[in-house]
């Protein structure tokens, strides 16, 4: 049996109650994530979105974390597009190796049972 342990998140940002004017960084102003700048820009890894009850909503992976998180809040094809206002916490784990990212993403989706992941789901 292979034992997998999800690493501790490197960065966790939580929604602030103070939502500002709409500015260039939509994630900061519209959705209340004022610590968005703490997410590494040029590192790859795993992104986990949680709701107010600390339930895992969605898990994703990225070669560049910050731009990918931003895309989840901007594009029309993100699996969380209809649930963006429910996101209360974003946890980011830096993972350099693409194969490791794939393994951790699949593990988190299936063990933590992410609500809005439809690919890579084996527990249904």
PDB file of N, CA and C in Angstrom:
ATOM      1  N   UNK A   1       0.838  -1.179   0.000  1.00  0.00           N
ATOM      2  CA  UNK A   1       0.000   0.000   0.000  1.00  0.00           C
ATOM      3  C   UNK A   1       0.882   1.240   0.000  1.00  0.00           C
ATOM      4  N   UNK A   2       0.543   2.173  -0.843  1.00  0.00           N
ATOM      5  CA  UNK A   2       1.265   3.427  -0.912  1.00  0.00           C
ATOM      6  C   UNK A   2       0.629   4.404   0.075  1.00  0.00           C
ATOM      7  N   UNK A   3       1.476   5.053   0.871  1.00  0.00           N
ATOM      8  CA  UNK A   3       0.974   6.032   1.836  1.00  0.00           C
ATOM      9  C   UNK A   3       1.302   7.426   1.317  1.00  0.00           C
ATOM     10  N   UNK A   4       0.258   8.230   1.162  1.00  0.00           N
ATOM     11  CA  UNK A   4       0.422   9.600   0.682  1.00  0.00           C
ATOM     12  C   UNK A   4      -0.037  10.547   1.776  1.00  0.00           C
ATOM     13  N   UNK A   5       0.772  11.552   2.027  1.00  0.00           N
ATOM     14  CA  UNK A   5       0.392  12.605   2.974  1.00  0.00           C
ATOM     15  C   UNK A   5       0.446  13.930   2.257  1.00  0.00           C
ATOM     16  N   UNK A   6      -0.648  14.661   2.324  1.00  0.00           N
ATOM     17  CA  UNK A   6      -0.696  15.981   1.716  1.00  0.00           C
ATOM     18  C   UNK A   6       0.173  16.931   2.542  1.00  0.00           C
ATOM     19  N   UNK A   7       1.097  17.644   1.888  1.00  0.00           N
ATOM     20  CA  UNK A   7       1.949  18.582   2.637  1.00  0.00           C
ATOM     21  C   UNK A   7       1.120  19.700   3.284  1.00  0.00           C
ATOM     22  N   UNK A   8       1.674  20.306   4.295  1.00  0.00           N
ATOM     23  CA  UNK A   8       1.049  21.452   4.944  1.00  0.00           C
ATOM     24  C   UNK A   8       1.059  22.626   3.971  1.00  0.00           C
ATOM     25  N   UNK A   9      -0.037  23.363   3.870  1.00  0.00           N
ATOM     26  CA  UNK A   9      -0.058  24.506   2.953  1.00  0.00           C
ATOM     27  C   UNK A   9       1.022  25.542   3.289  1.00  0.00           C
ATOM     28  N   UNK A  10       1.641  26.080   2.240  1.00  0.00           N
ATOM     29  CA  UNK A  10       2.654  27.122   2.399  1.00  0.00           C
ATOM     30  C   UNK A  10       2.003  28.477   2.666  1.00  0.00           C
ATOM     31  N   UNK A  11       0.864  28.694   2.034  1.00  0.00           N
ATOM     32  CA  UNK A  11       0.138  29.959   2.178  1.00  0.00           C
ATOM     33  C   UNK A  11      -1.345  29.646   2.323  1.00  0.00           C
ATOM     34  N   UNK A  12      -1.978  30.291   3.289  1.00  0.00           N
ATOM     35  CA  UNK A  12      -3.428  30.207   3.447  1.00  0.00           C
ATOM     36  C   UNK A  12      -3.938  31.635   3.545  1.00  0.00           C
ATOM     37  N   UNK A  13      -4.823  31.993   2.631  1.00  0.00           N
ATOM     38  CA  UNK A  13      -5.415  33.321   2.705  1.00  0.00           C
ATOM     39  C   UNK A  13      -6.912  33.177   2.944  1.00  0.00           C
ATOM     40  N   UNK A  14      -7.433  34.061   3.750  1.00  0.00           N
ATOM     41  CA  UNK A  14      -8.834  34.010   4.133  1.00  0.00           C
ATOM     42  C   UNK A  14      -9.520  35.284   3.677  1.00  0.00           C
ATOM     43  N   UNK A  15     -10.769  35.129   3.298  1.00  0.00           N
ATOM     44  CA  UNK A  15     -11.551  36.282   2.852  1.00  0.00           C
ATOM     45  C   UNK A  15     -11.663  37.310   3.967  1.00  0.00           C
ATOM     46  N   UNK A  16     -11.476  38.536   3.593  1.00  0.00           N
ATOM     47  CA  UNK A  16     -11.625  39.641   4.526  1.00  0.00           C
ATOM     48  C   UNK A  16     -13.055  40.161   4.432  1.00  0.00           C
ATOM     49  N   UNK A  17     -13.600  40.621   5.523  1.00  0.00           N
ATOM     50  CA  UNK A  17     -14.946  41.190   5.503  1.00  0.00           C
ATOM     51  C   UNK A  17     -14.972  42.536   4.807  1.00  0.00           C
ATOM     52  N   UNK A  18     -13.805  43.135   4.683  1.00  0.00           N
ATOM     53  CA  UNK A  18     -13.721  44.445   4.051  1.00  0.00           C
ATOM     54  C   UNK A  18     -13.482  44.260   2.559  1.00  0.00           C
ATOM     55  N   UNK A  19     -14.527  44.460   1.791  1.00  0.00           N
ATOM     56  CA  UNK A  19     -14.435  44.339   0.347  1.00  0.00           C
ATOM     57  C   UNK A  19     -14.355  45.736  -0.230  1.00  0.00           C
ATOM     58  N   UNK A  20     -13.353  45.962  -1.065  1.00  0.00           N
ATOM     59  CA  UNK A  20     -13.117  47.309  -1.572  1.00  0.00           C
ATOM     60  C   UNK A  20     -13.747  47.570  -2.917  1.00  0.00           C
ATOM     61  N   UNK A  21     -13.368  48.671  -3.485  1.00  0.00           N
ATOM     62  CA  UNK A  21     -13.810  49.050  -4.824  1.00  0.00           C
ATOM     63  C   UNK A  21     -13.228  48.073  -5.830  1.00  0.00           C
ATOM     64  N   UNK A  22     -13.900  47.915  -6.947  1.00  0.00           N
ATOM     65  CA  UNK A  22     -13.393  47.034  -7.988  1.00  0.00           C
ATOM     66  C   UNK A  22     -12.155  47.682  -8.616  1.00  0.00           C
ATOM     67  N   UNK A  23     -11.030  46.977  -8.549  1.00  0.00           N
ATOM     68  CA  UNK A  23      -9.768  47.471  -9.104  1.00  0.00           C
ATOM     69  C   UNK A  23      -9.194  46.429 -10.038  1.00  0.00           C
ATOM     70  N   UNK A  24      -7.970  46.628 -10.471  1.00  0.00           N
ATOM     71  CA  UNK A  24      -7.346  45.721 -11.432  1.00  0.00           C
ATOM     72  C   UNK A  24      -7.291  44.283 -10.927  1.00  0.00           C
ATOM     73  N   UNK A  25      -6.902  44.074  -9.684  1.00  0.00           N
ATOM     74  CA  UNK A  25      -6.824  42.722  -9.121  1.00  0.00           C
ATOM     75  C   UNK A  25      -8.203  42.347  -8.587  1.00  0.00           C
ATOM     76  N   UNK A  26      -9.031  41.812  -9.461  1.00  0.00           N
ATOM     77  CA  UNK A  26     -10.438  41.535  -9.122  1.00  0.00           C
ATOM     78  C   UNK A  26     -10.579  40.637  -7.909  1.00  0.00           C
ATOM     79  N   UNK A  27      -9.672  39.699  -7.755  1.00  0.00           N
ATOM     80  CA  UNK A  27      -9.769  38.770  -6.628  1.00  0.00           C
ATOM     81  C   UNK A  27      -9.644  39.514  -5.300  1.00  0.00           C
ATOM     82  N   UNK A  28      -8.811  40.547  -5.249  1.00  0.00           N
ATOM     83  CA  UNK A  28      -8.627  41.306  -4.017  1.00  0.00           C
ATOM     84  C   UNK A  28      -9.834  42.173  -3.715  1.00  0.00           C
ATOM     85  N   UNK A  29     -10.317  42.876  -4.711  1.00  0.00           N
ATOM     86  CA  UNK A  29     -11.355  43.860  -4.456  1.00  0.00           C
ATOM     87  C   UNK A  29     -12.747  43.245  -4.387  1.00  0.00           C
ATOM     88  N   UNK A  30     -13.111  42.459  -5.357  1.00  0.00           N
ATOM     89  CA  UNK A  30     -14.478  41.963  -5.446  1.00  0.00           C
ATOM     90  C   UNK A  30     -14.756  40.816  -4.481  1.00  0.00           C
ATOM     91  N   UNK A  31     -13.790  39.966  -4.245  1.00  0.00           N
ATOM     92  CA  UNK A  31     -14.024  38.770  -3.435  1.00  0.00           C
ATOM     93  C   UNK A  31     -13.429  38.844  -2.039  1.00  0.00           C
ATOM     94  N   UNK A  32     -12.707  39.893  -1.718  1.00  0.00           N
ATOM     95  CA  UNK A  32     -12.236  40.123  -0.363  1.00  0.00           C
ATOM     96  C   UNK A  32     -10.951  39.420   0.027  1.00  0.00           C
ATOM     97  N   UNK A  33     -10.152  38.965  -0.922  1.00  0.00           N
ATOM     98  CA  UNK A  33      -8.882  38.320  -0.595  1.00  0.00           C
ATOM     99  C   UNK A  33      -7.766  39.353  -0.684  1.00  0.00           C
ATOM    100  N   UNK A  34      -7.493  40.006   0.436  1.00  0.00           N
ATOM    101  CA  UNK A  34      -6.518  41.096   0.445  1.00  0.00           C
ATOM    102  C   UNK A  34      -5.074  40.606   0.533  1.00  0.00           C
ATOM    103  N   UNK A  35      -4.864  39.351   0.893  1.00  0.00           N
ATOM    104  CA  UNK A  35      -3.506  38.797   0.986  1.00  0.00           C
ATOM    105  C   UNK A  35      -3.118  38.014  -0.259  1.00  0.00           C
ATOM    106  N   UNK A  36      -3.789  38.262  -1.345  1.00  0.00           N
ATOM    107  CA  UNK A  36      -3.562  37.555  -2.606  1.00  0.00           C
ATOM    108  C   UNK A  36      -2.097  37.597  -3.034  1.00  0.00           C
ATOM    109  N   UNK A  37      -1.410  38.698  -2.720  1.00  0.00           N
ATOM    110  CA  UNK A  37      -0.005  38.867  -3.100  1.00  0.00           C
ATOM    111  C   UNK A  37       0.915  37.845  -2.423  1.00  0.00           C
ATOM    112  N   UNK A  38       0.459  37.171  -1.368  1.00  0.00           N
ATOM    113  CA  UNK A  38       1.287  36.177  -0.673  1.00  0.00           C
ATOM    114  C   UNK A  38       1.413  34.864  -1.448  1.00  0.00           C
ATOM    115  N   UNK A  39       0.547  34.645  -2.422  1.00  0.00           N
ATOM    116  CA  UNK A  39       0.619  33.424  -3.227  1.00  0.00           C
ATOM    117  C   UNK A  39       1.791  33.562  -4.187  1.00  0.00           C
ATOM    118  N   UNK A  40       2.682  32.569  -4.224  1.00  0.00           N
ATOM    119  CA  UNK A  40       3.847  32.658  -5.118  1.00  0.00           C
ATOM    120  C   UNK A  40       3.431  32.803  -6.580  1.00  0.00           C
ATOM    121  N   UNK A  41       4.109  33.661  -7.273  1.00  0.00           N
ATOM    122  CA  UNK A  41       3.765  33.933  -8.665  1.00  0.00           C
ATOM    123  C   UNK A  41       4.341  32.884  -9.614  1.00  0.00           C
ATOM    124  N   UNK A  42       5.587  32.499  -9.408  1.00  0.00           N
ATOM    125  CA  UNK A  42       6.275  31.644 -10.379  1.00  0.00           C
ATOM    126  C   UNK A  42       6.536  30.233  -9.884  1.00  0.00           C
ATOM    127  N   UNK A  43       5.828  29.793  -8.853  1.00  0.00           N
ATOM    128  CA  UNK A  43       5.990  28.428  -8.367  1.00  0.00           C
ATOM    129  C   UNK A  43       4.771  27.604  -8.749  1.00  0.00           C
ATOM    130  N   UNK A  44       4.997  26.315  -8.936  1.00  0.00           N
ATOM    131  CA  UNK A  44       3.895  25.406  -9.225  1.00  0.00           C
ATOM    132  C   UNK A  44       3.396  24.782  -7.942  1.00  0.00           C
ATOM    133  N   UNK A  45       2.198  24.228  -8.010  1.00  0.00           N
ATOM    134  CA  UNK A  45       1.675  23.579  -6.819  1.00  0.00           C
ATOM    135  C   UNK A  45       0.206  23.249  -6.901  1.00  0.00           C
ATOM    136  N   UNK A  46      -0.374  23.072  -5.717  1.00  0.00           N
ATOM    137  CA  UNK A  46      -1.770  22.681  -5.554  1.00  0.00           C
ATOM    138  C   UNK A  46      -2.527  23.849  -4.931  1.00  0.00           C
ATOM    139  N   UNK A  47      -3.762  24.061  -5.399  1.00  0.00           N
ATOM    140  CA  UNK A  47      -4.628  25.115  -4.876  1.00  0.00           C
ATOM    141  C   UNK A  47      -5.884  24.451  -4.337  1.00  0.00           C
ATOM    142  N   UNK A  48      -6.274  24.800  -3.123  1.00  0.00           N
ATOM    143  CA  UNK A  48      -7.488  24.247  -2.536  1.00  0.00           C
ATOM    144  C   UNK A  48      -8.395  25.393  -2.092  1.00  0.00           C
ATOM    145  N   UNK A  49      -9.632  25.359  -2.537  1.00  0.00           N
ATOM    146  CA  UNK A  49     -10.623  26.376  -2.190  1.00  0.00           C
ATOM    147  C   UNK A  49     -11.585  25.795  -1.153  1.00  0.00           C
ATOM    148  N   UNK A  50     -11.800  26.529  -0.062  1.00  0.00           N
ATOM    149  CA  UNK A  50     -12.682  26.081   1.018  1.00  0.00           C
ATOM    150  C   UNK A  50     -13.822  27.070   1.208  1.00  0.00           C
ATOM    151  N   UNK A  51     -14.969  26.574   1.675  1.00  0.00           N
ATOM    152  CA  UNK A  51     -16.091  27.465   1.977  1.00  0.00           C
ATOM    153  C   UNK A  51     -16.044  27.892   3.436  1.00  0.00           C
ATOM    154  N   UNK A  52     -17.075  28.608   3.894  1.00  0.00           N
ATOM    155  CA  UNK A  52     -17.106  29.143   5.260  1.00  0.00           C
ATOM    156  C   UNK A  52     -17.152  28.044   6.319  1.00  0.00           C
ATOM    157  N   UNK A  53     -17.644  26.862   5.958  1.00  0.00           N
ATOM    158  CA  UNK A  53     -17.694  25.731   6.888  1.00  0.00           C
ATOM    159  C   UNK A  53     -16.425  24.891   6.844  1.00  0.00           C
ATOM    160  N   UNK A  54     -15.414  25.375   6.141  1.00  0.00           N
ATOM    161  CA  UNK A  54     -14.127  24.703   5.968  1.00  0.00           C
ATOM    162  C   UNK A  54     -14.253  23.388   5.198  1.00  0.00           C
ATOM    163  N   UNK A  55     -15.270  23.296   4.350  1.00  0.00           N
ATOM    164  CA  UNK A  55     -15.428  22.133   3.478  1.00  0.00           C
ATOM    165  C   UNK A  55     -14.692  22.426   2.178  1.00  0.00           C
ATOM    166  N   UNK A  56     -14.017  21.415   1.664  1.00  0.00           N
ATOM    167  CA  UNK A  56     -13.254  21.580   0.432  1.00  0.00           C
ATOM    168  C   UNK A  56     -14.197  21.693  -0.755  1.00  0.00           C
ATOM    169  N   UNK A  57     -14.062  22.788  -1.484  1.00  0.00           N
ATOM    170  CA  UNK A  57     -14.916  23.022  -2.641  1.00  0.00           C
ATOM    171  C   UNK A  57     -14.274  22.502  -3.927  1.00  0.00           C
ATOM    172  N   UNK A  58     -12.990  22.823  -4.103  1.00  0.00           N
ATOM    173  CA  UNK A  58     -12.321  22.501  -5.361  1.00  0.00           C
ATOM    174  C   UNK A  58     -10.825  22.398  -5.137  1.00  0.00           C
ATOM    175  N   UNK A  59     -10.194  21.476  -5.851  1.00  0.00           N
ATOM    176  CA  UNK A  59      -8.740  21.315  -5.821  1.00  0.00           C
ATOM    177  C   UNK A  59      -8.234  21.454  -7.254  1.00  0.00           C
ATOM    178  N   UNK A  60      -7.172  22.217  -7.428  1.00  0.00           N
ATOM    179  CA  UNK A  60      -6.565  22.366  -8.737  1.00  0.00           C
ATOM    180  C   UNK A  60      -5.054  22.378  -8.620  1.00  0.00           C
ATOM    181  N   UNK A  61      -4.403  22.258  -9.759  1.00  0.00           N
ATOM    182  CA  UNK A  61      -2.941  22.319  -9.774  1.00  0.00           C
ATOM    183  C   UNK A  61      -2.538  23.357 -10.800  1.00  0.00           C
ATOM    184  N   UNK A  62      -1.324  23.854 -10.671  1.00  0.00           N
ATOM    185  CA  UNK A  62      -0.867  24.891 -11.592  1.00  0.00           C
ATOM    186  C   UNK A  62       0.649  24.911 -11.682  1.00  0.00           C
ATOM    187  N   UNK A  63       1.152  25.303 -12.845  1.00  0.00           N
ATOM    188  CA  UNK A  63       2.596  25.525 -13.008  1.00  0.00           C
ATOM    189  C   UNK A  63       2.984  26.851 -12.384  1.00  0.00           C
ATOM    190  N   UNK A  64       2.057  27.822 -12.430  1.00  0.00           N
ATOM    191  CA  UNK A  64       2.258  29.138 -11.818  1.00  0.00           C
ATOM    192  C   UNK A  64       1.012  29.427 -10.991  1.00  0.00           C
ATOM    193  N   UNK A  65       1.188  29.446  -9.676  1.00  0.00           N
ATOM    194  CA  UNK A  65       0.053  29.477  -8.762  1.00  0.00           C
ATOM    195  C   UNK A  65      -0.786  30.755  -8.811  1.00  0.00           C
ATOM    196  N   UNK A  66      -0.168  31.897  -8.644  1.00  0.00           N
ATOM    197  CA  UNK A  66      -0.955  33.134  -8.536  1.00  0.00           C
ATOM    198  C   UNK A  66      -1.810  33.405  -9.780  1.00  0.00           C
ATOM    199  N   UNK A  67      -1.239  33.302 -10.991  1.00  0.00           N
ATOM    200  CA  UNK A  67      -2.085  33.528 -12.165  1.00  0.00           C
ATOM    201  C   UNK A  67      -3.241  32.522 -12.272  1.00  0.00           C
ATOM    202  N   UNK A  68      -3.004  31.289 -11.823  1.00  0.00           N
ATOM    203  CA  UNK A  68      -4.070  30.279 -11.916  1.00  0.00           C
ATOM    204  C   UNK A  68      -5.192  30.575 -10.927  1.00  0.00           C
ATOM    205  N   UNK A  69      -4.840  30.994  -9.722  1.00  0.00           N
ATOM    206  CA  UNK A  69      -5.868  31.355  -8.743  1.00  0.00           C
ATOM    207  C   UNK A  69      -6.694  32.513  -9.295  1.00  0.00           C
ATOM    208  N   UNK A  70      -6.016  33.499  -9.853  1.00  0.00           N
ATOM    209  CA  UNK A  70      -6.699  34.653 -10.410  1.00  0.00           C
ATOM    210  C   UNK A  70      -7.665  34.242 -11.515  1.00  0.00           C
ATOM    211  N   UNK A  71      -7.243  33.301 -12.359  1.00  0.00           N
ATOM    212  CA  UNK A  71      -8.097  32.829 -13.446  1.00  0.00           C
ATOM    213  C   UNK A  71      -9.384  32.187 -12.925  1.00  0.00           C
ATOM    214  N   UNK A  72      -9.293  31.482 -11.813  1.00  0.00           N
ATOM    215  CA  UNK A  72     -10.495  30.862 -11.243  1.00  0.00           C
ATOM    216  C   UNK A  72     -11.544  31.906 -10.877  1.00  0.00           C
ATOM    217  N   UNK A  73     -11.109  33.126 -10.598  1.00  0.00           N
ATOM    218  CA  UNK A  73     -12.039  34.182 -10.222  1.00  0.00           C
ATOM    219  C   UNK A  73     -12.427  35.074 -11.398  1.00  0.00           C
ATOM    220  N   UNK A  74     -11.845  34.823 -12.573  1.00  0.00           N
ATOM    221  CA  UNK A  74     -12.113  35.672 -13.722  1.00  0.00           C
ATOM    222  C   UNK A  74     -12.779  34.966 -14.887  1.00  0.00           C
ATOM    223  N   UNK A  75     -12.368  33.740 -15.206  1.00  0.00           N
ATOM    224  CA  UNK A  75     -12.858  33.121 -16.438  1.00  0.00           C
ATOM    225  C   UNK A  75     -14.249  32.504 -16.277  1.00  0.00           C
ATOM    226  N   UNK A  76     -14.837  32.159 -17.398  1.00  0.00           N
ATOM    227  CA  UNK A  76     -16.186  31.596 -17.398  1.00  0.00           C
ATOM    228  C   UNK A  76     -16.211  30.084 -17.465  1.00  0.00           C
ATOM    229  N   UNK A  77     -15.053  29.437 -17.452  1.00  0.00           N
ATOM    230  CA  UNK A  77     -15.022  27.981 -17.535  1.00  0.00           C
ATOM    231  C   UNK A  77     -14.565  27.323 -16.240  1.00  0.00           C
ATOM    232  N   UNK A  78     -14.236  28.109 -15.233  1.00  0.00           N
ATOM    233  CA  UNK A  78     -13.805  27.551 -13.957  1.00  0.00           C
ATOM    234  C   UNK A  78     -14.952  26.768 -13.322  1.00  0.00           C
ATOM    235  N   UNK A  79     -14.653  25.607 -12.752  1.00  0.00           N
ATOM    236  CA  UNK A  79     -15.689  24.822 -12.076  1.00  0.00           C
ATOM    237  C   UNK A  79     -16.320  25.555 -10.893  1.00  0.00           C
ATOM    238  N   UNK A  80     -15.654  26.564 -10.366  1.00  0.00           N
ATOM    239  CA  UNK A  80     -16.229  27.301  -9.233  1.00  0.00           C
ATOM    240  C   UNK A  80     -16.861  28.622  -9.670  1.00  0.00           C
ATOM    241  N   UNK A  81     -17.065  28.823 -10.971  1.00  0.00           N
ATOM    242  CA  UNK A  81     -17.560  30.117 -11.461  1.00  0.00           C
ATOM    243  C   UNK A  81     -18.875  30.535 -10.820  1.00  0.00           C
ATOM    244  N   UNK A  82     -19.759  29.600 -10.517  1.00  0.00           N
ATOM    245  CA  UNK A  82     -21.045  29.940  -9.893  1.00  0.00           C
ATOM    246  C   UNK A  82     -20.975  29.948  -8.369  1.00  0.00           C
ATOM    247  N   UNK A  83     -19.797  29.665  -7.835  1.00  0.00           N
ATOM    248  CA  UNK A  83     -19.637  29.540  -6.381  1.00  0.00           C
ATOM    249  C   UNK A  83     -18.507  30.424  -5.842  1.00  0.00           C
ATOM    250  N   UNK A  84     -18.079  31.387  -6.614  1.00  0.00           N
ATOM    251  CA  UNK A  84     -16.944  32.238  -6.218  1.00  0.00           C
ATOM    252  C   UNK A  84     -17.192  32.974  -4.914  1.00  0.00           C
ATOM    253  N   UNK A  85     -18.412  33.394  -4.703  1.00  0.00           N
ATOM    254  CA  UNK A  85     -18.718  34.148  -3.484  1.00  0.00           C
ATOM    255  C   UNK A  85     -18.769  33.241  -2.255  1.00  0.00           C
ATOM    256  N   UNK A  86     -18.781  31.924  -2.457  1.00  0.00           N
ATOM    257  CA  UNK A  86     -18.763  30.987  -1.342  1.00  0.00           C
ATOM    258  C   UNK A  86     -17.350  30.726  -0.836  1.00  0.00           C
ATOM    259  N   UNK A  87     -16.345  31.011  -1.665  1.00  0.00           N
ATOM    260  CA  UNK A  87     -14.960  30.738  -1.283  1.00  0.00           C
ATOM    261  C   UNK A  87     -14.588  31.633  -0.105  1.00  0.00           C
ATOM    262  N   UNK A  88     -14.155  30.990   0.975  1.00  0.00           N
ATOM    263  CA  UNK A  88     -13.788  31.722   2.178  1.00  0.00           C
ATOM    264  C   UNK A  88     -12.287  31.632   2.466  1.00  0.00           C
ATOM    265  N   UNK A  89     -11.672  30.559   1.970  1.00  0.00           N
ATOM    266  CA  UNK A  89     -10.248  30.331   2.255  1.00  0.00           C
ATOM    267  C   UNK A  89      -9.604  29.669   1.051  1.00  0.00           C
ATOM    268  N   UNK A  90      -8.381  30.087   0.763  1.00  0.00           N
ATOM    269  CA  UNK A  90      -7.592  29.477  -0.305  1.00  0.00           C
ATOM    270  C   UNK A  90      -6.290  28.996   0.317  1.00  0.00           C
ATOM    271  N   UNK A  91      -6.018  27.702   0.171  1.00  0.00           N
ATOM    272  CA  UNK A  91      -4.767  27.116   0.675  1.00  0.00           C
ATOM    273  C   UNK A  91      -3.912  26.740  -0.528  1.00  0.00           C
ATOM    274  N   UNK A  92      -2.625  27.081  -0.459  1.00  0.00           N
ATOM    275  CA  UNK A  92      -1.703  26.836  -1.557  1.00  0.00           C
ATOM    276  C   UNK A  92      -0.526  26.025  -1.046  1.00  0.00           C
ATOM    277  N   UNK A  93      -0.225  24.949  -1.762  1.00  0.00           N
ATOM    278  CA  UNK A  93       0.911  24.092  -1.425  1.00  0.00           C
ATOM    279  C   UNK A  93       1.882  24.136  -2.607  1.00  0.00           C
ATOM    280  N   UNK A  94       3.098  24.572  -2.380  1.00  0.00           N
ATOM    281  CA  UNK A  94       4.105  24.587  -3.444  1.00  0.00           C
ATOM    282  C   UNK A  94       4.619  23.167  -3.673  1.00  0.00           C
ATOM    283  N   UNK A  95       4.539  22.739  -4.930  1.00  0.00           N
ATOM    284  CA  UNK A  95       5.022  21.417  -5.333  1.00  0.00           C
ATOM    285  C   UNK A  95       5.735  21.604  -6.668  1.00  0.00           C
ATOM    286  N   UNK A  96       7.027  21.337  -6.694  1.00  0.00           N
ATOM    287  CA  UNK A  96       7.837  21.599  -7.877  1.00  0.00           C
ATOM    288  C   UNK A  96       7.591  20.568  -8.976  1.00  0.00           C
ATOM    289  N   UNK A  97       7.624  19.302  -8.639  1.00  0.00           N
ATOM    290  CA  UNK A  97       7.528  18.217  -9.619  1.00  0.00           C
ATOM    291  C   UNK A  97       6.100  18.068 -10.159  1.00  0.00           C
ATOM    292  N   UNK A  98       5.913  18.122 -11.497  1.00  0.00           N
ATOM    293  CA  UNK A  98       4.577  17.998 -12.079  1.00  0.00           C
ATOM    294  C   UNK A  98       3.892  16.666 -11.756  1.00  0.00           C
ATOM    295  N   UNK A  99       4.661  15.600 -11.666  1.00  0.00           N
ATOM    296  CA  UNK A  99       4.081  14.299 -11.328  1.00  0.00           C
ATOM    297  C   UNK A  99       3.571  14.308  -9.885  1.00  0.00           C
ATOM    298  N   UNK A 100       4.326  14.903  -8.988  1.00  0.00           N
ATOM    299  CA  UNK A 100       3.880  15.028  -7.602  1.00  0.00           C
ATOM    300  C   UNK A 100       2.618  15.874  -7.505  1.00  0.00           C
ATOM    301  N   UNK A 101       2.539  16.952  -8.306  1.00  0.00           N
ATOM    302  CA  UNK A 101       1.333  17.790  -8.316  1.00  0.00           C
ATOM    303  C   UNK A 101       0.117  16.967  -8.717  1.00  0.00           C
ATOM    304  N   UNK A 102       0.275  16.160  -9.728  1.00  0.00           N
ATOM    305  CA  UNK A 102      -0.816  15.306 -10.217  1.00  0.00           C
ATOM    306  C   UNK A 102      -1.270  14.333  -9.136  1.00  0.00           C
ATOM    307  N   UNK A 103      -0.321  13.711  -8.466  1.00  0.00           N
ATOM    308  CA  UNK A 103      -0.644  12.750  -7.406  1.00  0.00           C
ATOM    309  C   UNK A 103      -1.355  13.431  -6.251  1.00  0.00           C
ATOM    310  N   UNK A 104      -0.826  14.555  -5.782  1.00  0.00           N
ATOM    311  CA  UNK A 104      -1.443  15.271  -4.662  1.00  0.00           C
ATOM    312  C   UNK A 104      -2.837  15.780  -5.013  1.00  0.00           C
ATOM    313  N   UNK A 105      -3.001  16.272  -6.240  1.00  0.00           N
ATOM    314  CA  UNK A 105      -4.320  16.756  -6.654  1.00  0.00           C
ATOM    315  C   UNK A 105      -5.345  15.628  -6.634  1.00  0.00           C
ATOM    316  N   UNK A 106      -5.008  14.506  -7.248  1.00  0.00           N
ATOM    317  CA  UNK A 106      -5.922  13.359  -7.288  1.00  0.00           C
ATOM    318  C   UNK A 106      -6.209  12.842  -5.889  1.00  0.00           C
ATOM    319  N   UNK A 107      -5.186  12.779  -5.052  1.00  0.00           N
ATOM    320  CA  UNK A 107      -5.355  12.332  -3.672  1.00  0.00           C
ATOM    321  C   UNK A 107      -6.304  13.260  -2.910  1.00  0.00           C
ATOM    322  N   UNK A 108      -6.085  14.566  -3.000  1.00  0.00           N
ATOM    323  CA  UNK A 108      -6.921  15.528  -2.278  1.00  0.00           C
ATOM    324  C   UNK A 108      -8.367  15.475  -2.759  1.00  0.00           C
ATOM    325  N   UNK A 109      -8.577  15.362  -4.056  1.00  0.00           N
ATOM    326  CA  UNK A 109      -9.936  15.292  -4.605  1.00  0.00           C
ATOM    327  C   UNK A 109     -10.686  14.103  -4.025  1.00  0.00           C
ATOM    328  N   UNK A 110     -10.028  12.963  -3.965  1.00  0.00           N
ATOM    329  CA  UNK A 110     -10.711  11.738  -3.571  1.00  0.00           C
ATOM    330  C   UNK A 110     -10.763  11.488  -2.072  1.00  0.00           C
ATOM    331  N   UNK A 111      -9.744  11.852  -1.350  1.00  0.00           N
ATOM    332  CA  UNK A 111      -9.736  11.614   0.095  1.00  0.00           C
ATOM    333  C   UNK A 111     -10.502  12.711   0.832  1.00  0.00           C
ATOM    334  N   UNK A 112     -10.314  13.959   0.403  1.00  0.00           N
ATOM    335  CA  UNK A 112     -10.994  15.076   1.059  1.00  0.00           C
ATOM    336  C   UNK A 112     -12.357  15.367   0.429  1.00  0.00           C
ATOM    337  N   UNK A 113     -12.681  14.684  -0.659  1.00  0.00           N
ATOM    338  CA  UNK A 113     -13.970  14.768  -1.351  1.00  0.00           C
ATOM    339  C   UNK A 113     -14.371  16.202  -1.724  1.00  0.00           C
ATOM    340  N   UNK A 114     -13.620  16.757  -2.633  1.00  0.00           N
ATOM    341  CA  UNK A 114     -13.900  18.113  -3.126  1.00  0.00           C
ATOM    342  C   UNK A 114     -15.250  18.142  -3.852  1.00  0.00           C
ATOM    343  N   UNK A 115     -16.074  19.117  -3.509  1.00  0.00           N
ATOM    344  CA  UNK A 115     -17.452  19.203  -4.025  1.00  0.00           C
ATOM    345  C   UNK A 115     -17.547  19.404  -5.529  1.00  0.00           C
ATOM    346  N   UNK A 116     -16.726  20.276  -6.088  1.00  0.00           N
ATOM    347  CA  UNK A 116     -16.911  20.690  -7.473  1.00  0.00           C
ATOM    348  C   UNK A 116     -15.894  20.112  -8.449  1.00  0.00           C
ATOM    349  N   UNK A 117     -15.077  19.182  -8.015  1.00  0.00           N
ATOM    350  CA  UNK A 117     -14.196  18.490  -8.950  1.00  0.00           C
ATOM    351  C   UNK A 117     -15.002  17.365  -9.597  1.00  0.00           C
ATOM    352  N   UNK A 118     -14.985  17.316 -10.931  1.00  0.00           N
ATOM    353  CA  UNK A 118     -15.703  16.247 -11.602  1.00  0.00           C
ATOM    354  C   UNK A 118     -14.746  15.274 -12.289  1.00  0.00           C
ATOM    355  N   UNK A 119     -13.558  15.733 -12.616  1.00  0.00           N
ATOM    356  CA  UNK A 119     -12.542  14.850 -13.180  1.00  0.00           C
ATOM    357  C   UNK A 119     -11.748  14.216 -12.041  1.00  0.00           C
ATOM    358  N   UNK A 120     -11.206  13.072 -12.279  1.00  0.00           N
ATOM    359  CA  UNK A 120     -10.336  12.374 -11.324  1.00  0.00           C
ATOM    360  C   UNK A 120     -11.051  11.929 -10.054  1.00  0.00           C
ATOM    361  N   UNK A 121     -12.371  11.796 -10.106  1.00  0.00           N
ATOM    362  CA  UNK A 121     -13.149  11.383  -8.945  1.00  0.00           C
ATOM    363  C   UNK A 121     -13.355   9.869  -9.004  1.00  0.00           C
ATOM    364  N   UNK A 122     -12.931   9.191  -7.938  1.00  0.00           N
ATOM    365  CA  UNK A 122     -13.057   7.732  -7.910  1.00  0.00           C
ATOM    366  C   UNK A 122     -13.992   7.254  -6.810  1.00  0.00           C
ATOM    367  N   UNK A 123     -14.552   8.145  -6.013  1.00  0.00           N
ATOM    368  CA  UNK A 123     -15.319   7.720  -4.848  1.00  0.00           C
ATOM    369  C   UNK A 123     -16.827   7.691  -5.077  1.00  0.00           C
ATOM    370  N   UNK A 124     -17.326   8.061  -6.225  1.00  0.00           N
ATOM    371  CA  UNK A 124     -18.780   8.095  -6.459  1.00  0.00           C
ATOM    372  C   UNK A 124     -19.355   6.724  -6.694  1.00  0.00           C
TER     373      UNK A 124
END
